Protein backbone atom coordinates (compact mmCIF):
# COMPACT_ATOMS: atom_id res chain seq x y z
CA UNK A 1 0.00 0.00 0.00
CA UNK A 2 1.37 3.43 -0.95
CA UNK A 3 1.57 6.30 1.47
CA UNK A 4 -0.10 9.68 0.89
CA UNK A 5 3.31 11.32 0.50
CA UNK A 6 3.83 10.30 -3.12
CA UNK A 7 7.10 9.97 -5.02
CA UNK A 8 8.72 13.20 -3.80
CA UNK A 9 8.79 12.51 -0.09
CA UNK A 10 6.16 14.91 1.25
CA UNK A 11 2.44 15.45 1.01
CA UNK A 12 2.81 18.56 -1.17
CA UNK A 13 4.59 16.84 -4.04
CA UNK A 14 7.90 18.68 -3.75
CA UNK A 15 11.29 18.20 -2.16
CA UNK A 16 12.12 19.01 1.44
CA UNK A 17 10.92 22.61 1.07
CA UNK A 18 8.10 22.05 -1.43
CA UNK A 19 9.21 25.01 -3.56
CA UNK A 20 8.82 27.59 -0.81
CA UNK A 21 11.20 30.52 -0.65
CA UNK A 22 13.52 31.41 2.17
CA UNK A 23 13.20 34.39 4.48
CA UNK A 24 16.07 36.02 2.56
CA UNK A 25 14.24 35.54 -0.76
CA UNK A 26 10.99 36.99 0.60
CA UNK A 27 12.83 39.93 2.18
CA UNK A 28 14.64 40.76 -1.08
CA UNK A 29 11.38 40.50 -3.02
CA UNK A 30 9.57 42.69 -0.50
CA UNK A 31 12.27 45.36 -0.55
CA UNK A 32 12.39 45.38 -4.36
CA UNK A 33 8.61 45.74 -4.44
CA UNK A 34 8.74 48.69 -2.06
CA UNK A 35 11.50 50.40 -4.08
CA UNK A 36 9.65 49.78 -7.36
CA UNK A 37 6.54 51.35 -5.79
CA UNK A 38 8.33 54.37 -4.37
CA UNK A 39 10.28 55.25 -7.55
CA UNK A 40 7.29 56.25 -9.74
CA UNK A 41 5.44 57.73 -6.77
CA UNK A 42 8.27 60.11 -5.91
CA UNK A 43 9.14 60.85 -9.54
CA UNK A 44 5.60 61.77 -10.53
CA UNK A 45 4.42 63.51 -7.34
CA UNK A 46 7.55 65.72 -7.25
CA UNK A 47 7.18 66.63 -10.95
CA UNK A 48 10.56 65.07 -11.79
CA UNK A 49 8.99 63.62 -14.94
CA UNK A 50 5.92 64.69 -16.89
CA UNK A 51 3.88 63.53 -19.84
CA UNK A 52 5.31 60.63 -21.83
CA UNK A 53 8.32 60.27 -19.54
CA UNK A 54 6.02 59.81 -16.55
CA UNK A 55 4.10 57.11 -18.42
CA UNK A 56 7.34 55.35 -19.33
CA UNK A 57 8.59 55.42 -15.72
CA UNK A 58 5.26 54.08 -14.51
CA UNK A 59 5.09 51.29 -17.10
CA UNK A 60 8.72 50.21 -16.68
CA UNK A 61 8.44 50.00 -12.90
CA UNK A 62 5.12 48.16 -13.23
CA UNK A 63 6.70 45.53 -15.49
CA UNK A 64 9.66 45.18 -13.14
CA UNK A 65 7.24 44.84 -10.22
CA UNK A 66 5.45 42.06 -12.12
CA UNK A 67 8.74 40.22 -12.69
CA UNK A 68 9.68 40.55 -9.01
CA UNK A 69 6.30 39.13 -7.99
CA UNK A 70 6.71 36.17 -10.33
CA UNK A 71 10.25 35.33 -9.30
CA UNK A 72 10.25 36.00 -5.56
CA UNK A 73 6.68 35.28 -4.47
CA UNK A 74 5.18 32.93 -7.07
CA UNK A 75 8.45 30.95 -7.40
CA UNK A 76 8.15 30.68 -11.17
CA UNK A 77 11.82 29.78 -11.58
CA UNK A 78 11.72 26.94 -9.03
CA UNK A 79 9.50 24.43 -10.84
CA UNK A 80 10.61 20.80 -11.26
CA UNK A 81 8.09 19.66 -13.84
CA UNK A 82 6.97 21.21 -17.15
CA UNK A 83 6.04 24.81 -16.68
CA UNK A 84 2.28 24.47 -16.40
CA UNK A 85 2.15 27.60 -14.25
CA UNK A 86 4.07 29.53 -16.91
CA UNK A 87 1.73 28.31 -19.66
CA UNK A 88 -1.28 29.27 -17.56
CA UNK A 89 0.27 32.67 -16.84
CA UNK A 90 0.94 33.33 -20.52
CA UNK A 91 -2.62 32.31 -21.42
CA UNK A 92 -3.98 34.64 -18.73
CA UNK A 93 -1.82 37.50 -20.02
CA UNK A 94 -3.07 36.93 -23.57
CA UNK A 95 -6.66 37.11 -22.33
CA UNK A 96 -6.01 40.27 -20.27
CA UNK A 97 -4.15 41.99 -23.13
CA UNK A 98 -6.94 41.06 -25.55
CA UNK A 99 -9.57 42.53 -23.23
CA UNK A 100 -7.57 45.71 -22.58
CA UNK A 101 -6.67 46.23 -26.26
CA UNK A 102 -10.24 45.50 -27.33
CA UNK A 103 -11.64 47.91 -24.75
CA UNK A 104 -9.25 50.67 -25.82
CA UNK A 105 -10.10 50.04 -29.47
CA UNK A 106 -13.86 50.15 -28.79
CA UNK A 107 -13.59 53.32 -26.68
CA UNK A 108 -11.39 55.04 -29.29
CA UNK A 109 -13.65 54.33 -32.26
CA UNK A 110 -16.85 54.84 -30.29
CA UNK A 111 -15.71 58.34 -29.31
CA UNK A 112 -14.88 59.20 -32.94
CA UNK A 113 -18.25 57.98 -34.24
CA UNK A 114 -20.23 59.96 -31.69
């Protein structure tokens, strides 16, 4: 009779840590998230950047924030098996981008027609 632990040695299907990060990893991720939040806030509220530059700063820090979340908190780089989470993430991003692009397209051409 097989135990409930499975082939990997624990009930969660992973190694000894089950893919969880260390305190150091979480602390680095948290600090990077705080810095990537403060940078656009300070830059825009203090009028250091305006217009297109402000949008670029905001978008770049948002993308970097997304990468930090994936790597430090969702442990995307620590998978043992095929990257089902990555495939699911990409599919979700395609859906979100389709909805956002479609909404912008509809609002743009609806405003012109009216």
